[in-house]
Amino acid sequence: MQDFNAIITRDGSVLHLPWGTHNEIVEHFAVPGNTSLARQNYWEYDILPPFVDGGGLQARGIEEPPDVVLSAAANLTDSLCAWHSGRNLRAIPTEWGDVVEHVYQVRGRRAPGYLNGRGGVYFSGIVKRLSDVHITRLIGSARIVRLDGTSVVDTMSGQARIDELCQHAVITDMRERAGIGKMSGRSCVETLCQSTVVAEMHDDARVIVMFGASRVLRLYGRASCGRACDGTVFTADSKVCKNALLASAERYKSVKIVREGESVFA
């Protein structure tokens, strides 16, 4: 995310919705329309960060905003510039996760590790164990040694890694060069795409759909993984109930039994 939307109302309140669009912010906070005779902007006042193209109140056609709006915009601009430069990063509000992601993309590997977790974004350093958490994005060079319980990761990309995904933990979407060491229990990856890798799958672990150059290097027990291109679902369980497995995902068309430890490629 290279920019984000924020709305400053006439009383100086700054409204922001993580990863939300301008209209989504308006709807979520029930922002009233600008009913002034000089309707410079329909929805109060909105801004973009000063370090992206098209930012700034004047660029939005707001020539004479109220003083309280100017003050709020100035304070936010100061904070954004500080975060962009790597200063005062602990002050980033938890719900401003997209700003964290922007700072990460700008600063790359120089982004400090203590930003981990802001707004549900993990992007650098190592976390030993997380249980029953919801992570919006696991990106960059982030690494979690063990993710368990009912944890959910919405998106995992870059070179992010989870050493062990277990119990009922779920990854919704894996892309780029993200990787998982071992899946066990009833853990699940809904979509494995591009050059992603799962090293081992055990127990009742599942990869529902595999695209691109994704791969599972070793498949054991009752674990299963489905290939999107031909609808084949693979498992090493020779006693599997094929009808039940085929019924578990709409994309599945056939079942193939492989030897334990065999690889599966998308």
C-alpha atoms as a PDB file:
ATOM      1  CA  MET A   1       0.000   0.000   0.000  1.00  0.00           C
ATOM      2  CA  GLN A   2       1.642   3.206  -1.186  1.00  0.00           C
ATOM      3  CA  ASP A   3      -0.853   5.646   0.305  1.00  0.00           C
ATOM      4  CA  PHE A   4      -3.902   5.702   2.536  1.00  0.00           C
ATOM      5  CA  ASN A   5      -7.048   7.708   3.070  1.00  0.00           C
ATOM      6  CA  ALA A   6      -7.907   9.827   6.070  1.00  0.00           C
ATOM      7  CA  ILE A   7     -10.795  12.231   6.566  1.00  0.00           C
ATOM      8  CA  ILE A   8     -10.583  15.339   8.757  1.00  0.00           C
ATOM      9  CA  THR A   9     -13.990  16.601   9.837  1.00  0.00           C
ATOM     10  CA  ARG A  10     -14.830  20.236  10.600  1.00  0.00           C
ATOM     11  CA  ASP A  11     -14.182  19.686  14.324  1.00  0.00           C
ATOM     12  CA  GLY A  12     -10.628  18.487  13.593  1.00  0.00           C
ATOM     13  CA  SER A  13     -11.255  14.751  14.127  1.00  0.00           C
ATOM     14  CA  VAL A  14      -9.032  12.506  12.014  1.00  0.00           C
ATOM     15  CA  LEU A  15     -10.895   9.428  10.798  1.00  0.00           C
ATOM     16  CA  HIS A  16      -9.060   6.451   9.371  1.00  0.00           C
ATOM     17  CA  LEU A  17      -9.950   2.843   8.585  1.00  0.00           C
ATOM     18  CA  PRO A  18      -7.139   0.269   8.159  1.00  0.00           C
ATOM     19  CA  TRP A  19      -6.775  -0.630   4.485  1.00  0.00           C
ATOM     20  CA  GLY A  20     -10.087   1.158   3.843  1.00  0.00           C
ATOM     21  CA  THR A  21     -11.003   3.344   0.893  1.00  0.00           C
ATOM     22  CA  HIS A  22     -12.321   6.868   1.144  1.00  0.00           C
ATOM     23  CA  ASN A  23     -15.931   5.781   0.665  1.00  0.00           C
ATOM     24  CA  GLU A  24     -15.546   2.974   3.199  1.00  0.00           C
ATOM     25  CA  ILE A  25     -14.358   5.480   5.809  1.00  0.00           C
ATOM     26  CA  VAL A  26     -17.333   7.712   5.045  1.00  0.00           C
ATOM     27  CA  GLU A  27     -19.750   4.808   5.430  1.00  0.00           C
ATOM     28  CA  HIS A  28     -18.095   3.332   8.546  1.00  0.00           C
ATOM     29  CA  PHE A  29     -18.015   6.600  10.488  1.00  0.00           C
ATOM     30  CA  ALA A  30     -21.229   8.022   8.963  1.00  0.00           C
ATOM     31  CA  VAL A  31     -19.400  11.159   7.870  1.00  0.00           C
ATOM     32  CA  PRO A  32     -21.924  13.858   6.883  1.00  0.00           C
ATOM     33  CA  GLY A  33     -21.765  15.584   3.536  1.00  0.00           C
ATOM     34  CA  ASN A  34     -20.309  19.078   3.268  1.00  0.00           C
ATOM     35  CA  THR A  35     -23.371  21.319   3.003  1.00  0.00           C
ATOM     36  CA  SER A  36     -21.536  24.632   2.925  1.00  0.00           C
ATOM     37  CA  LEU A  37     -22.213  26.987   0.019  1.00  0.00           C
ATOM     38  CA  ALA A  38     -18.591  26.604  -1.081  1.00  0.00           C
ATOM     39  CA  ARG A  39     -18.702  22.831  -1.544  1.00  0.00           C
ATOM     40  CA  GLN A  40     -14.980  22.408  -2.067  1.00  0.00           C
ATOM     41  CA  ASN A  41     -15.202  18.742  -1.209  1.00  0.00           C
ATOM     42  CA  TYR A  42     -18.336  16.683  -0.809  1.00  0.00           C
ATOM     43  CA  TRP A  43     -17.231  14.638   2.207  1.00  0.00           C
ATOM     44  CA  GLU A  44     -15.757  17.161   4.646  1.00  0.00           C
ATOM     45  CA  TYR A  45     -11.980  17.133   4.014  1.00  0.00           C
ATOM     46  CA  ASP A  46      -9.786  14.211   3.024  1.00  0.00           C
ATOM     47  CA  ILE A  47      -6.030  13.995   2.642  1.00  0.00           C
ATOM     48  CA  LEU A  48      -3.223  11.742   1.501  1.00  0.00           C
ATOM     49  CA  PRO A  49       0.283  11.503   2.988  1.00  0.00           C
ATOM     50  CA  PRO A  50       2.534  14.389   1.932  1.00  0.00           C
ATOM     51  CA  PHE A  51       5.145  12.003   0.515  1.00  0.00           C
ATOM     52  CA  VAL A  52       2.983  10.500  -2.233  1.00  0.00           C
ATOM     53  CA  ASP A  53       1.730  12.033  -5.462  1.00  0.00           C
ATOM     54  CA  GLY A  54      -1.491  13.998  -5.231  1.00  0.00           C
ATOM     55  CA  GLY A  55      -1.336  14.675  -1.473  1.00  0.00           C
ATOM     56  CA  GLY A  56      -2.153  17.832   0.481  1.00  0.00           C
ATOM     57  CA  LEU A  57      -5.316  19.793   1.113  1.00  0.00           C
ATOM     58  CA  GLN A  58      -4.586  22.406  -1.540  1.00  0.00           C
ATOM     59  CA  ALA A  59      -4.063  19.665  -4.134  1.00  0.00           C
ATOM     60  CA  ARG A  60      -7.541  18.433  -3.237  1.00  0.00           C
ATOM     61  CA  GLY A  61      -9.072  21.826  -4.041  1.00  0.00           C
ATOM     62  CA  ILE A  62      -9.447  22.944  -0.411  1.00  0.00           C
ATOM     63  CA  GLU A  63      -8.319  26.590  -0.518  1.00  0.00           C
ATOM     64  CA  GLU A  64      -9.576  27.866   2.834  1.00  0.00           C
ATOM     65  CA  PRO A  65     -10.236  25.064   5.306  1.00  0.00           C
ATOM     66  CA  PRO A  66     -11.146  25.945   8.920  1.00  0.00           C
ATOM     67  CA  ASP A  67      -8.249  26.596  11.296  1.00  0.00           C
ATOM     68  CA  VAL A  68      -9.037  23.461  13.328  1.00  0.00           C
ATOM     69  CA  VAL A  69      -8.776  21.382  10.143  1.00  0.00           C
ATOM     70  CA  LEU A  70      -5.455  23.010   9.252  1.00  0.00           C
ATOM     71  CA  SER A  71      -4.134  22.292  12.748  1.00  0.00           C
ATOM     72  CA  ALA A  72      -5.224  18.645  12.608  1.00  0.00           C
ATOM     73  CA  ALA A  73      -3.705  18.257   9.135  1.00  0.00           C
ATOM     74  CA  ALA A  74      -0.441  19.825  10.292  1.00  0.00           C
ATOM     75  CA  ASN A  75      -0.195  17.504  13.299  1.00  0.00           C
ATOM     76  CA  LEU A  76      -0.939  14.446  11.180  1.00  0.00           C
ATOM     77  CA  THR A  77       1.560  15.559   8.558  1.00  0.00           C
ATOM     78  CA  ASP A  78       4.250  15.953  11.232  1.00  0.00           C
ATOM     79  CA  SER A  79       3.538  12.436  12.492  1.00  0.00           C
ATOM     80  CA  LEU A  80       3.543  10.955   8.993  1.00  0.00           C
ATOM     81  CA  CYS A  81       6.855  12.616   8.140  1.00  0.00           C
ATOM     82  CA  ALA A  82       8.366  11.344  11.400  1.00  0.00           C
ATOM     83  CA  TRP A  83       7.168   7.776  10.786  1.00  0.00           C
ATOM     84  CA  HIS A  84       8.314   7.948   7.181  1.00  0.00           C
ATOM     85  CA  SER A  85      11.792   8.898   8.438  1.00  0.00           C
ATOM     86  CA  GLY A  86      11.813   6.157  11.077  1.00  0.00           C
ATOM     87  CA  ARG A  87      11.162   8.436  14.075  1.00  0.00           C
ATOM     88  CA  ASN A  88       8.598   8.012  16.849  1.00  0.00           C
ATOM     89  CA  LEU A  89       7.415   4.721  15.383  1.00  0.00           C
ATOM     90  CA  ARG A  90       5.947   3.480  18.650  1.00  0.00           C
ATOM     91  CA  ALA A  91       3.360   6.254  18.392  1.00  0.00           C
ATOM     92  CA  ILE A  92       1.714   4.704  15.326  1.00  0.00           C
ATOM     93  CA  PRO A  93      -1.872   3.846  16.385  1.00  0.00           C
ATOM     94  CA  THR A  94      -2.673   0.159  16.370  1.00  0.00           C
ATOM     95  CA  GLU A  95      -5.486   0.591  13.853  1.00  0.00           C
ATOM     96  CA  TRP A  96      -3.202   2.382  11.372  1.00  0.00           C
ATOM     97  CA  GLY A  97      -1.688  -0.845  10.099  1.00  0.00           C
ATOM     98  CA  ASP A  98      -1.557   0.356   6.504  1.00  0.00           C
ATOM     99  CA  VAL A  99       0.721   3.204   7.573  1.00  0.00           C
ATOM    100  CA  VAL A 100       3.019   0.636   9.148  1.00  0.00           C
ATOM    101  CA  GLU A 101       3.030  -1.294   5.904  1.00  0.00           C
ATOM    102  CA  HIS A 102       3.837   1.863   3.974  1.00  0.00           C
ATOM    103  CA  VAL A 103       6.739   2.641   6.324  1.00  0.00           C
ATOM    104  CA  TYR A 104       7.989  -0.916   5.862  1.00  0.00           C
ATOM    105  CA  GLN A 105       7.889  -0.703   2.080  1.00  0.00           C
ATOM    106  CA  VAL A 106       9.762   2.591   2.134  1.00  0.00           C
ATOM    107  CA  ARG A 107      12.420   1.551   4.620  1.00  0.00           C
ATOM    108  CA  GLY A 108      12.840  -2.080   3.629  1.00  0.00           C
ATOM    109  CA  ARG A 109      15.212  -4.041   5.851  1.00  0.00           C
ATOM    110  CA  ARG A 110      16.014  -0.878   7.818  1.00  0.00           C
ATOM    111  CA  ALA A 111      12.518  -0.969   9.335  1.00  0.00           C
ATOM    112  CA  PRO A 112      12.931  -1.553  13.106  1.00  0.00           C
ATOM    113  CA  GLY A 113      11.638  -4.804  14.486  1.00  0.00           C
ATOM    114  CA  TYR A 114       9.609  -3.265  17.294  1.00  0.00           C
ATOM    115  CA  LEU A 115       6.892  -2.294  14.814  1.00  0.00           C
ATOM    116  CA  ASN A 116       5.825  -5.936  14.814  1.00  0.00           C
ATOM    117  CA  GLY A 117       2.145  -6.338  15.566  1.00  0.00           C
ATOM    118  CA  ARG A 118       0.954  -2.781  14.919  1.00  0.00           C
ATOM    119  CA  GLY A 119      -2.413  -2.997  13.201  1.00  0.00           C
ATOM    120  CA  GLY A 120      -2.046  -6.748  12.753  1.00  0.00           C
ATOM    121  CA  VAL A 121       1.056  -6.409  10.574  1.00  0.00           C
ATOM    122  CA  TYR A 122       4.200  -8.458  11.181  1.00  0.00           C
ATOM    123  CA  PHE A 123       7.077  -7.723   8.868  1.00  0.00           C
ATOM    124  CA  SER A 124      10.498  -8.219  10.453  1.00  0.00           C
ATOM    125  CA  GLY A 125      12.209 -10.078  13.265  1.00  0.00           C
ATOM    126  CA  ILE A 126      11.258 -13.333  14.989  1.00  0.00           C
ATOM    127  CA  VAL A 127       8.272 -14.118  17.222  1.00  0.00           C
ATOM    128  CA  LYS A 128       8.628 -17.435  19.052  1.00  0.00           C
ATOM    129  CA  ARG A 129       4.960 -18.329  19.515  1.00  0.00           C
ATOM    130  CA  LEU A 130       1.540 -16.853  18.819  1.00  0.00           C
ATOM    131  CA  SER A 131      -1.751 -18.468  19.769  1.00  0.00           C
ATOM    132  CA  ASP A 132      -5.357 -17.464  19.022  1.00  0.00           C
ATOM    133  CA  VAL A 133      -4.408 -14.266  17.190  1.00  0.00           C
ATOM    134  CA  HIS A 134      -5.636 -12.549  14.027  1.00  0.00           C
ATOM    135  CA  ILE A 135      -2.857 -11.143  11.847  1.00  0.00           C
ATOM    136  CA  THR A 136      -3.858  -9.038   8.876  1.00  0.00           C
ATOM    137  CA  ARG A 137      -0.532  -9.263   7.052  1.00  0.00           C
ATOM    138  CA  LEU A 138       2.612 -11.315   7.586  1.00  0.00           C
ATOM    139  CA  ILE A 139       5.053  -9.745   5.131  1.00  0.00           C
ATOM    140  CA  GLY A 140       8.693  -8.966   4.437  1.00  0.00           C
ATOM    141  CA  SER A 141      11.130 -11.080   6.420  1.00  0.00           C
ATOM    142  CA  ALA A 142       8.819 -11.812   9.355  1.00  0.00           C
ATOM    143  CA  ARG A 143       9.202 -15.187  11.038  1.00  0.00           C
ATOM    144  CA  ILE A 144       6.931 -16.939  13.537  1.00  0.00           C
ATOM    145  CA  VAL A 145       8.383 -20.090  15.075  1.00  0.00           C
ATOM    146  CA  ARG A 146       4.999 -21.568  16.093  1.00  0.00           C
ATOM    147  CA  LEU A 147       1.501 -20.400  15.209  1.00  0.00           C
ATOM    148  CA  ASP A 148      -1.255 -22.402  16.870  1.00  0.00           C
ATOM    149  CA  GLY A 149      -4.672 -22.365  18.481  1.00  0.00           C
ATOM    150  CA  THR A 150      -7.335 -20.736  16.304  1.00  0.00           C
ATOM    151  CA  SER A 151      -4.943 -18.172  14.828  1.00  0.00           C
ATOM    152  CA  VAL A 152      -5.706 -16.671  11.416  1.00  0.00           C
ATOM    153  CA  VAL A 153      -3.346 -14.904   9.005  1.00  0.00           C
ATOM    154  CA  ASP A 154      -5.186 -13.113   6.197  1.00  0.00           C
ATOM    155  CA  THR A 155      -2.204 -12.601   3.877  1.00  0.00           C
ATOM    156  CA  MET A 156       1.343 -13.967   3.989  1.00  0.00           C
ATOM    157  CA  SER A 157       3.824 -12.736   1.391  1.00  0.00           C
ATOM    158  CA  GLY A 158       7.385 -11.626   0.684  1.00  0.00           C
ATOM    159  CA  GLN A 159       9.863 -13.926   2.417  1.00  0.00           C
ATOM    160  CA  ALA A 160       7.713 -14.348   5.519  1.00  0.00           C
ATOM    161  CA  ARG A 161       7.961 -17.728   7.233  1.00  0.00           C
ATOM    162  CA  ILE A 162       6.132 -19.828   9.809  1.00  0.00           C
ATOM    163  CA  ASP A 163       8.232 -22.702  11.122  1.00  0.00           C
ATOM    164  CA  GLU A 164       5.274 -24.670  12.499  1.00  0.00           C
ATOM    165  CA  LEU A 165       1.574 -24.184  11.725  1.00  0.00           C
ATOM    166  CA  CYS A 166      -0.480 -26.409  13.979  1.00  0.00           C
ATOM    167  CA  GLN A 167      -3.750 -27.110  15.806  1.00  0.00           C
ATOM    168  CA  HIS A 168      -6.511 -25.120  14.051  1.00  0.00           C
ATOM    169  CA  ALA A 169      -4.425 -22.239  12.677  1.00  0.00           C
ATOM    170  CA  VAL A 170      -5.381 -20.954   9.211  1.00  0.00           C
ATOM    171  CA  ILE A 171      -3.527 -19.029   6.509  1.00  0.00           C
ATOM    172  CA  THR A 172      -6.023 -17.506   4.083  1.00  0.00           C
ATOM    173  CA  ASP A 173      -3.604 -16.544   1.314  1.00  0.00           C
ATOM    174  CA  MET A 174       0.124 -17.222   0.737  1.00  0.00           C
ATOM    175  CA  ARG A 175       2.019 -15.499  -2.079  1.00  0.00           C
ATOM    176  CA  GLU A 176       5.471 -14.681  -3.454  1.00  0.00           C
ATOM    177  CA  ARG A 177       8.219 -16.599  -1.592  1.00  0.00           C
ATOM    178  CA  ALA A 178       6.437 -17.124   1.707  1.00  0.00           C
ATOM    179  CA  GLY A 179       7.011 -20.494   3.366  1.00  0.00           C
ATOM    180  CA  ILE A 180       5.840 -22.882   6.074  1.00  0.00           C
ATOM    181  CA  GLY A 181       8.110 -25.473   7.645  1.00  0.00           C
ATOM    182  CA  LYS A 182       5.626 -27.993   9.061  1.00  0.00           C
ATOM    183  CA  MET A 183       1.855 -28.187   9.061  1.00  0.00           C
ATOM    184  CA  SER A 184       0.144 -30.469  11.562  1.00  0.00           C
ATOM    185  CA  GLY A 185      -3.105 -30.968  13.462  1.00  0.00           C
ATOM    186  CA  ARG A 186      -6.041 -29.465  11.559  1.00  0.00           C
ATOM    187  CA  SER A 187      -4.111 -26.473  10.291  1.00  0.00           C
ATOM    188  CA  CYS A 188      -5.073 -25.138   6.883  1.00  0.00           C
ATOM    189  CA  VAL A 189      -3.806 -22.980   4.031  1.00  0.00           C
ATOM    190  CA  GLU A 190      -6.670 -21.911   1.806  1.00  0.00           C
ATOM    191  CA  THR A 191      -4.598 -20.641  -1.133  1.00  0.00           C
ATOM    192  CA  LEU A 192      -0.963 -21.431  -1.937  1.00  0.00           C
ATOM    193  CA  CYS A 193       0.218 -19.317  -4.867  1.00  0.00           C
ATOM    194  CA  GLN A 194       3.290 -18.239  -6.862  1.00  0.00           C
ATOM    195  CA  SER A 195       6.585 -19.600  -5.433  1.00  0.00           C
ATOM    196  CA  THR A 196       5.319 -20.470  -1.955  1.00  0.00           C
ATOM    197  CA  VAL A 197       6.500 -23.648  -0.219  1.00  0.00           C
ATOM    198  CA  VAL A 198       5.253 -25.960   2.516  1.00  0.00           C
ATOM    199  CA  ALA A 199       8.066 -28.294   3.614  1.00  0.00           C
ATOM    200  CA  GLU A 200       5.975 -30.935   5.426  1.00  0.00           C
ATOM    201  CA  MET A 201       2.290 -31.764   5.942  1.00  0.00           C
ATOM    202  CA  HIS A 202       1.113 -34.165   8.663  1.00  0.00           C
ATOM    203  CA  ASP A 203      -2.065 -35.316  10.454  1.00  0.00           C
ATOM    204  CA  ASP A 204      -5.207 -33.655   9.033  1.00  0.00           C
ATOM    205  CA  ALA A 205      -3.476 -30.571   7.659  1.00  0.00           C
ATOM    206  CA  ARG A 206      -4.874 -29.214   4.389  1.00  0.00           C
ATOM    207  CA  VAL A 207      -3.822 -27.000   1.528  1.00  0.00           C
ATOM    208  CA  ILE A 208      -7.075 -26.418  -0.291  1.00  0.00           C
ATOM    209  CA  VAL A 209      -5.840 -24.899  -3.567  1.00  0.00           C
ATOM    210  CA  MET A 210      -2.341 -24.642  -5.103  1.00  0.00           C
ATOM    211  CA  PHE A 211      -1.561 -22.238  -7.972  1.00  0.00           C
ATOM    212  CA  GLY A 212       1.516 -21.168  -9.907  1.00  0.00           C
ATOM    213  CA  ALA A 213       4.861 -22.621  -8.840  1.00  0.00           C
ATOM    214  CA  SER A 214       3.740 -23.467  -5.315  1.00  0.00           C
ATOM    215  CA  ARG A 215       4.704 -26.843  -3.870  1.00  0.00           C
ATOM    216  CA  VAL A 216       4.466 -29.189  -0.918  1.00  0.00           C
ATOM    217  CA  LEU A 217       7.771 -30.992  -0.462  1.00  0.00           C
ATOM    218  CA  ARG A 218       6.668 -33.893   1.749  1.00  0.00           C
ATOM    219  CA  LEU A 219       3.170 -35.251   2.333  1.00  0.00           C
ATOM    220  CA  TYR A 220       2.372 -37.628   5.222  1.00  0.00           C
ATOM    221  CA  GLY A 221      -0.570 -39.295   6.953  1.00  0.00           C
ATOM    222  CA  ARG A 222      -4.071 -37.968   6.292  1.00  0.00           C
ATOM    223  CA  ALA A 223      -2.866 -34.567   5.115  1.00  0.00           C
ATOM    224  CA  SER A 224      -4.101 -33.412   1.713  1.00  0.00           C
ATOM    225  CA  CYS A 225      -3.415 -30.720  -0.866  1.00  0.00           C
ATOM    226  CA  GLY A 226      -5.378 -29.804  -3.969  1.00  0.00           C
ATOM    227  CA  ARG A 227      -4.028 -28.661  -7.319  1.00  0.00           C
ATOM    228  CA  ALA A 228      -6.041 -25.926  -8.998  1.00  0.00           C
ATOM    229  CA  CYS A 229      -5.109 -26.635 -12.611  1.00  0.00           C
ATOM    230  CA  ASP A 230      -6.742 -30.078 -12.813  1.00  0.00           C
ATOM    231  CA  GLY A 231      -8.744 -30.367  -9.592  1.00  0.00           C
ATOM    232  CA  THR A 232      -6.642 -33.252  -8.269  1.00  0.00           C
ATOM    233  CA  VAL A 233      -6.397 -33.608  -4.486  1.00  0.00           C
ATOM    234  CA  PHE A 234      -3.388 -35.535  -3.181  1.00  0.00           C
ATOM    235  CA  THR A 235      -3.012 -37.504   0.026  1.00  0.00           C
ATOM    236  CA  ALA A 236      -0.774 -40.248   1.397  1.00  0.00           C
ATOM    237  CA  ASP A 237      -3.713 -41.841   3.239  1.00  0.00           C
ATOM    238  CA  SER A 238      -4.430 -45.076   1.364  1.00  0.00           C
ATOM    239  CA  LYS A 239      -7.588 -45.583   3.472  1.00  0.00           C
ATOM    240  CA  VAL A 240      -9.065 -42.199   2.699  1.00  0.00           C
ATOM    241  CA  CYS A 241     -12.783 -41.887   2.014  1.00  0.00           C
ATOM    242  CA  LYS A 242     -12.527 -40.445  -1.475  1.00  0.00           C
ATOM    243  CA  ASN A 243     -16.119 -39.258  -1.679  1.00  0.00           C
ATOM    244  CA  ALA A 244     -15.809 -37.274   1.552  1.00  0.00           C
ATOM    245  CA  LEU A 245     -12.537 -35.730   0.416  1.00  0.00           C
ATOM    246  CA  LEU A 246     -13.966 -34.711  -2.957  1.00  0.00           C
ATOM    247  CA  ALA A 247     -16.978 -33.187  -1.233  1.00  0.00           C
ATOM    248  CA  SER A 248     -14.786 -31.058   1.042  1.00  0.00           C
ATOM    249  CA  ALA A 249     -13.887 -28.504  -1.663  1.00  0.00           C
ATOM    250  CA  GLU A 250     -15.775 -27.420  -4.769  1.00  0.00           C
ATOM    251  CA  ARG A 251     -12.633 -27.448  -6.920  1.00  0.00           C
ATOM    252  CA  TYR A 252     -11.775 -31.100  -6.274  1.00  0.00           C
ATOM    253  CA  LYS A 253     -12.472 -33.481  -9.169  1.00  0.00           C
ATOM    254  CA  SER A 254     -10.293 -36.521  -8.446  1.00  0.00           C
ATOM    255  CA  VAL A 255      -8.185 -38.083  -5.690  1.00  0.00           C
ATOM    256  CA  LYS A 256      -4.653 -39.357  -6.100  1.00  0.00           C
ATOM    257  CA  ILE A 257      -2.917 -41.477  -3.450  1.00  0.00           C
ATOM    258  CA  VAL A 258       0.836 -40.799  -3.221  1.00  0.00           C
ATOM    259  CA  ARG A 259       3.626 -42.432  -1.250  1.00  0.00           C
ATOM    260  CA  GLU A 260       4.386 -40.950   2.168  1.00  0.00           C
ATOM    261  CA  GLY A 261       7.026 -38.258   1.863  1.00  0.00           C
ATOM    262  CA  GLU A 262       6.299 -37.593  -1.817  1.00  0.00           C
ATOM    263  CA  SER A 263       6.273 -34.051  -3.197  1.00  0.00           C
ATOM    264  CA  VAL A 264       3.289 -32.325  -4.788  1.00  0.00           C
ATOM    265  CA  PHE A 265       3.658 -29.445  -7.246  1.00  0.00           C
ATOM    266  CA  ALA A 266       1.007 -27.040  -8.475  1.00  0.00           C
END
